[in-house]
Amino acid sequence: MIDRRHFIRTSGLGLAGLGFLQALQAAAPNAKIRVGARHFGDNLKAAREAGMDGAELGVGGPADSLKVADAAWRQKIKDQSRQTGLPVCSLSMDLLNGNPVATEARAVAWLSQTIAAAGELGAAGILVPFFGNGNLLQGRELKRAAVDSVVARVKEVAPQAQKAKVCLGLENTCSAAQNLQILDRIASEAVACYYDIGNSTGNGYDVPAEIRQLKGRIGLVHFKDGSSYLGEGKINMKAVAEALAEIRYEGWIILETSCPSKDTAADCRRNADFIRRLLGTA
């Protein structure tokens, strides 16, 4: 199996010809979309038994040194990954919703700690969220001062992310056009949109059109559809699949789905199987 670092180092196209995100996606095993989940905490064994291809792990609560900066924690996760064969697909910085990138004095240090951990764990990306206190919109308009601060702070850590071959995925309530404005200002191939089809549907956006608009700028994708199983809610999943195929997305799709039956493993397996059938990767 060719790992992503070997691919980028040896490919004749390299980063300049192919682009950082495309290089990561092309290096995925069998060039297939893989399905991860964020439901299982640090328990990779449970995620594997539920049929996941990977797991999205949290970075811990606000502290000068995050949980992921602890060498013992990282070793525990690496041991689990080796034992189960399940990779860490991504790390999620949920603490930023209450301690926003734009205003939190420790935000840059937290991003740096998480990038280092993601690189060591082999994670493809990091969820950098902007919800709650971190929302970048006032109504439908960008909060200019907040965006200016976010751009400056993310630009500061973007070289570290690119060196570690880790994608910083910005997830927010912004439109595709607004996300492109932000990404263009950051101007780093290591920073992309973490696109959530459920959130975007809830905010009234045309999801298939946005996916097409963000071609080459989507690093990771969240799937959810309210309280429903995938394929049984209001999102037109066929149209989403067609848009992802059109932009040739081959990265991670990560479940952030509800569990209608209250059986997390069974419901995640059901949703993952739906995705694989939908996208023809089963």
Protein backbone atom coordinates (compact mmCIF):
# COMPACT_ATOMS: atom_id res chain seq x y z
CA MET A 1 0.00 0.00 0.00
CA ILE A 2 1.34 3.46 -0.93
CA ASP A 3 0.95 5.88 1.93
CA ARG A 4 0.14 9.53 1.29
CA ARG A 5 3.64 10.79 2.15
CA HIS A 6 5.26 8.33 -0.27
CA PHE A 7 2.76 9.27 -2.96
CA ILE A 8 3.41 12.98 -2.63
CA ARG A 9 7.18 12.48 -2.52
CA THR A 10 7.39 10.16 -5.52
CA SER A 11 4.53 11.22 -7.80
CA GLY A 12 5.68 12.83 -11.02
CA LEU A 13 2.88 15.38 -10.60
CA GLY A 14 3.73 16.28 -7.02
CA LEU A 15 1.95 19.01 -5.09
CA ALA A 16 2.45 21.64 -7.75
CA GLY A 17 0.83 19.61 -10.51
CA LEU A 18 -1.93 17.86 -8.62
CA GLY A 19 -2.68 19.95 -5.57
CA PHE A 20 -2.45 19.00 -1.92
CA LEU A 21 -6.03 17.80 -1.45
CA GLN A 22 -6.08 15.88 -4.69
CA ALA A 23 -2.81 14.21 -3.72
CA LEU A 24 -4.24 13.07 -0.39
CA GLN A 25 -7.38 11.77 -2.08
CA ALA A 26 -5.48 9.99 -4.85
CA ALA A 27 -3.35 8.27 -2.21
CA ALA A 28 -6.40 6.70 -0.56
CA PRO A 29 -6.46 2.89 -0.72
CA ASN A 30 -8.06 1.76 -4.00
CA ALA A 31 -8.91 5.43 -4.68
CA LYS A 32 -12.28 4.83 -2.98
CA ILE A 33 -14.29 6.99 -0.68
CA ARG A 34 -13.97 5.70 2.87
CA VAL A 35 -16.56 6.04 5.62
CA GLY A 36 -15.64 7.15 9.12
CA ALA A 37 -17.69 8.09 12.16
CA ARG A 38 -17.42 10.34 15.18
CA HIS A 39 -19.78 8.33 17.39
CA PHE A 40 -17.33 6.09 19.22
CA GLY A 41 -15.07 8.46 21.11
CA ASP A 42 -11.59 7.03 21.55
CA ASN A 43 -12.83 3.44 21.18
CA LEU A 44 -11.43 2.32 17.82
CA LYS A 45 -12.40 -1.30 18.51
CA ALA A 46 -16.08 -0.31 18.71
CA ALA A 47 -15.79 1.70 15.49
CA ARG A 48 -14.17 -1.26 13.72
CA GLU A 49 -16.85 -3.66 14.97
CA ALA A 50 -19.51 -1.27 13.63
CA GLY A 51 -17.98 -1.58 10.17
CA MET A 52 -16.32 1.81 9.96
CA ASP A 53 -13.23 2.46 7.84
CA GLY A 54 -11.97 5.11 10.27
CA ALA A 55 -12.81 7.20 13.31
CA GLU A 56 -12.99 10.93 13.99
CA LEU A 57 -11.68 11.65 17.49
CA GLY A 58 -12.11 14.66 19.74
CA VAL A 59 -9.13 16.71 20.89
CA GLY A 60 -10.39 17.35 24.43
CA GLY A 61 -11.72 20.33 26.32
CA PRO A 62 -10.15 23.78 26.72
CA ALA A 63 -6.81 23.69 28.52
CA ASP A 64 -3.39 25.11 27.80
CA SER A 65 -2.33 21.64 26.70
CA LEU A 66 -5.03 19.67 24.87
CA LYS A 67 -5.67 15.96 25.36
CA VAL A 68 -4.17 15.25 21.95
CA ALA A 69 -0.91 16.90 23.04
CA ASP A 70 -0.42 14.17 25.65
CA ALA A 71 2.07 11.58 24.39
CA ALA A 72 0.47 8.83 26.48
CA TRP A 73 -2.94 9.46 24.88
CA ARG A 74 -1.46 9.43 21.39
CA GLN A 75 0.36 6.18 22.13
CA LYS A 76 -2.89 4.63 23.37
CA ILE A 77 -4.61 5.59 20.12
CA LYS A 78 -1.70 4.30 18.00
CA ASP A 79 -1.79 1.01 19.90
CA GLN A 80 -5.53 0.69 19.26
CA SER A 81 -5.09 1.53 15.60
CA ARG A 82 -2.40 -1.11 15.20
CA GLN A 83 -4.48 -3.73 17.04
CA THR A 84 -7.71 -3.03 15.14
CA GLY A 85 -6.34 -1.99 11.78
CA LEU A 86 -8.58 1.07 11.98
CA PRO A 87 -7.06 4.46 11.15
CA VAL A 88 -7.84 7.80 12.71
CA CYS A 89 -9.39 9.65 9.79
CA SER A 90 -9.65 13.03 11.49
CA LEU A 91 -9.53 15.01 14.72
CA SER A 92 -12.38 17.30 15.77
CA MET A 93 -11.78 20.58 17.60
CA ASP A 94 -15.29 20.97 19.03
CA LEU A 95 -13.94 23.20 21.82
CA LEU A 96 -13.58 26.02 19.26
CA ASN A 97 -17.35 26.53 19.16
CA GLY A 98 -17.22 27.92 22.69
CA ASN A 99 -13.69 29.28 22.39
CA PRO A 100 -13.58 30.71 18.86
CA VAL A 101 -10.55 30.83 16.61
CA ALA A 102 -11.20 34.54 16.05
CA THR A 103 -10.97 35.58 19.71
CA GLU A 104 -9.46 32.79 21.86
CA ALA A 105 -5.90 33.63 22.87
CA ARG A 106 -4.92 29.94 22.84
CA ALA A 107 -6.48 29.13 19.46
CA VAL A 108 -3.25 29.16 17.46
CA ALA A 109 -1.50 27.00 20.05
CA TRP A 110 -4.45 24.58 20.03
CA LEU A 111 -4.38 24.36 16.26
CA SER A 112 -0.64 23.73 16.34
CA GLN A 113 -0.98 20.99 18.97
CA THR A 114 -3.75 19.32 16.98
CA ILE A 115 -1.82 19.47 13.71
CA ALA A 116 1.15 17.82 15.39
CA ALA A 117 -1.09 15.09 16.82
CA ALA A 118 -2.87 14.52 13.50
CA GLY A 119 0.45 14.18 11.73
CA GLU A 120 1.72 11.65 14.26
CA LEU A 121 -1.53 9.65 14.16
CA GLY A 122 -1.70 9.69 10.35
CA ALA A 123 -5.05 11.51 10.31
CA ALA A 124 -6.02 13.04 6.98
CA GLY A 125 -7.65 16.12 8.42
CA ILE A 126 -8.84 18.28 11.29
CA LEU A 127 -12.34 19.61 11.82
CA VAL A 128 -12.04 23.33 12.61
CA PRO A 129 -15.63 24.36 13.45
CA PHE A 130 -17.30 27.78 13.52
CA PHE A 131 -20.62 27.34 15.28
CA GLY A 132 -22.13 28.85 18.43
CA ASN A 133 -19.87 31.64 19.65
CA GLY A 134 -17.61 31.00 16.68
CA ASN A 135 -20.26 31.64 14.00
CA LEU A 136 -18.79 33.72 11.18
CA LEU A 137 -22.13 35.10 9.98
CA GLN A 138 -24.34 37.94 11.14
CA GLY A 139 -27.56 37.08 9.40
CA ARG A 140 -26.34 36.13 5.92
CA GLU A 141 -23.33 38.44 5.91
CA LEU A 142 -19.78 37.64 7.00
CA LYS A 143 -18.56 39.12 10.26
CA ARG A 144 -15.64 40.96 8.73
CA ALA A 145 -13.57 41.46 11.89
CA ALA A 146 -14.00 37.81 12.89
CA VAL A 147 -13.10 36.59 9.41
CA ASP A 148 -10.03 38.85 9.34
CA SER A 149 -8.85 37.31 12.61
CA VAL A 150 -9.58 33.74 11.46
CA VAL A 151 -7.71 34.27 8.20
CA ALA A 152 -4.65 35.64 10.02
CA ARG A 153 -4.59 32.85 12.60
CA VAL A 154 -5.17 29.99 10.19
CA LYS A 155 -2.52 31.38 7.84
CA GLU A 156 -0.11 31.23 10.79
CA VAL A 157 -0.49 27.46 11.19
CA ALA A 158 -1.15 26.51 7.57
CA PRO A 159 2.54 25.89 6.75
CA GLN A 160 2.73 23.46 9.69
CA ALA A 161 -0.36 21.65 8.37
CA GLN A 162 1.05 21.42 4.86
CA LYS A 163 4.35 20.08 6.16
CA ALA A 164 2.48 17.46 8.22
CA LYS A 165 0.27 16.55 5.21
CA VAL A 166 -2.82 17.36 7.27
CA CYS A 167 -5.88 19.19 5.92
CA LEU A 168 -7.44 21.91 8.08
CA GLY A 169 -11.16 21.59 7.29
CA LEU A 170 -13.20 24.70 8.03
CA GLU A 171 -16.82 23.83 8.87
CA ASN A 172 -19.29 26.66 9.25
CA THR A 173 -22.69 28.08 8.29
CA CYS A 174 -21.29 30.08 5.35
CA SER A 175 -22.30 29.64 1.73
CA ALA A 176 -19.95 28.05 -0.78
CA ALA A 177 -19.17 31.50 -2.19
CA GLN A 178 -18.32 32.85 1.26
CA ASN A 179 -16.15 29.83 2.01
CA LEU A 180 -14.28 30.39 -1.23
CA GLN A 181 -13.64 34.00 -0.22
CA ILE A 182 -12.15 32.83 3.08
CA LEU A 183 -10.10 30.04 1.49
CA ASP A 184 -8.77 32.36 -1.19
CA ARG A 185 -7.58 34.79 1.49
CA ILE A 186 -5.84 32.02 3.45
CA ALA A 187 -4.31 30.79 0.20
CA SER A 188 -3.01 27.44 1.40
CA GLU A 189 -3.52 24.04 -0.18
CA ALA A 190 -3.57 22.62 3.36
CA VAL A 191 -6.80 24.49 4.20
CA ALA A 192 -10.15 23.48 2.73
CA CYS A 193 -13.86 23.29 3.43
CA TYR A 194 -15.19 20.55 5.71
CA TYR A 195 -18.56 20.29 3.97
CA ASP A 196 -21.60 19.12 5.96
CA ILE A 197 -24.57 18.21 3.79
CA GLY A 198 -26.96 18.28 6.75
CA ASN A 199 -25.92 21.69 8.04
CA SER A 200 -25.95 23.18 4.55
CA THR A 201 -29.41 21.77 3.85
CA GLY A 202 -30.64 23.19 7.16
CA ASN A 203 -29.25 26.60 6.24
CA GLY A 204 -31.17 26.62 2.97
CA TYR A 205 -28.27 26.09 0.58
CA ASP A 206 -28.47 24.11 -2.66
CA VAL A 207 -26.15 21.30 -1.58
CA PRO A 208 -25.38 19.67 -4.96
CA ALA A 209 -24.72 23.09 -6.51
CA GLU A 210 -22.45 24.05 -3.61
CA ILE A 211 -20.48 20.83 -3.88
CA ARG A 212 -19.88 21.58 -7.55
CA GLN A 213 -18.93 25.18 -6.73
CA LEU A 214 -16.40 23.95 -4.16
CA LYS A 215 -14.72 21.50 -6.53
CA GLY A 216 -11.13 20.95 -5.41
CA ARG A 217 -11.71 22.87 -2.17
CA ILE A 218 -13.50 20.18 -0.10
CA GLY A 219 -11.18 18.33 2.24
CA LEU A 220 -13.64 16.21 4.21
CA VAL A 221 -17.41 15.67 4.22
CA HIS A 222 -19.93 15.15 7.02
CA PHE A 223 -23.10 13.20 6.25
CA LYS A 224 -26.26 13.54 8.34
CA ASP A 225 -29.94 14.15 7.71
CA GLY A 226 -31.67 15.36 10.86
CA SER A 227 -33.18 12.56 12.91
CA SER A 228 -33.48 10.20 9.93
CA TYR A 229 -31.40 7.40 8.56
CA LEU A 230 -29.53 8.45 5.44
CA GLY A 231 -31.79 8.04 2.43
CA GLU A 232 -34.96 8.38 4.52
CA GLY A 233 -34.90 12.09 5.28
CA LYS A 234 -35.33 15.29 3.28
CA ILE A 235 -31.91 15.41 1.60
CA ASN A 236 -31.79 14.24 -2.02
CA MET A 237 -28.94 11.80 -1.53
CA LYS A 238 -28.86 10.77 -5.18
CA ALA A 239 -28.22 14.37 -6.19
CA VAL A 240 -25.49 14.67 -3.54
CA ALA A 241 -23.85 11.49 -4.84
CA GLU A 242 -23.98 12.76 -8.41
CA ALA A 243 -22.33 16.04 -7.38
CA LEU A 244 -19.56 14.25 -5.45
CA ALA A 245 -18.95 11.99 -8.44
CA GLU A 246 -18.85 14.97 -10.80
CA ILE A 247 -16.13 16.71 -8.77
CA ARG A 248 -14.36 13.36 -8.37
CA TYR A 249 -14.29 13.57 -4.59
CA GLU A 250 -12.38 10.60 -3.15
CA GLY A 251 -11.74 11.62 0.45
CA TRP A 252 -13.39 10.68 3.72
CA ILE A 253 -17.14 10.81 4.34
CA ILE A 254 -17.66 10.96 8.08
CA LEU A 255 -20.93 10.11 9.78
CA GLU A 256 -22.42 12.68 12.12
CA THR A 257 -25.77 10.95 11.91
CA SER A 258 -28.56 10.44 14.41
CA CYS A 259 -29.18 7.02 15.95
CA PRO A 260 -32.94 6.46 15.64
CA SER A 261 -32.83 2.96 17.14
CA LYS A 262 -30.48 4.09 19.97
CA ASP A 263 -28.12 1.28 18.91
CA THR A 264 -25.11 3.33 17.82
CA ALA A 265 -23.21 0.50 16.18
CA ALA A 266 -26.21 -0.82 14.25
CA ASP A 267 -27.29 2.62 13.08
CA CYS A 268 -23.79 3.63 11.99
CA ARG A 269 -23.42 0.36 10.10
CA ARG A 270 -26.77 0.92 8.39
CA ASN A 271 -25.81 4.46 7.34
CA ALA A 272 -22.33 3.42 6.21
CA ASP A 273 -23.78 0.60 4.11
CA PHE A 274 -26.19 3.09 2.53
CA ILE A 275 -23.30 5.38 1.59
CA ARG A 276 -21.31 2.55 0.05
CA ARG A 277 -24.30 1.42 -2.04
CA LEU A 278 -25.10 5.01 -3.01
CA LEU A 279 -21.57 5.76 -4.16
CA GLY A 280 -20.87 2.35 -5.64
CA THR A 281 -17.99 1.54 -3.28
CA ALA A 282 -19.56 -1.47 -1.56
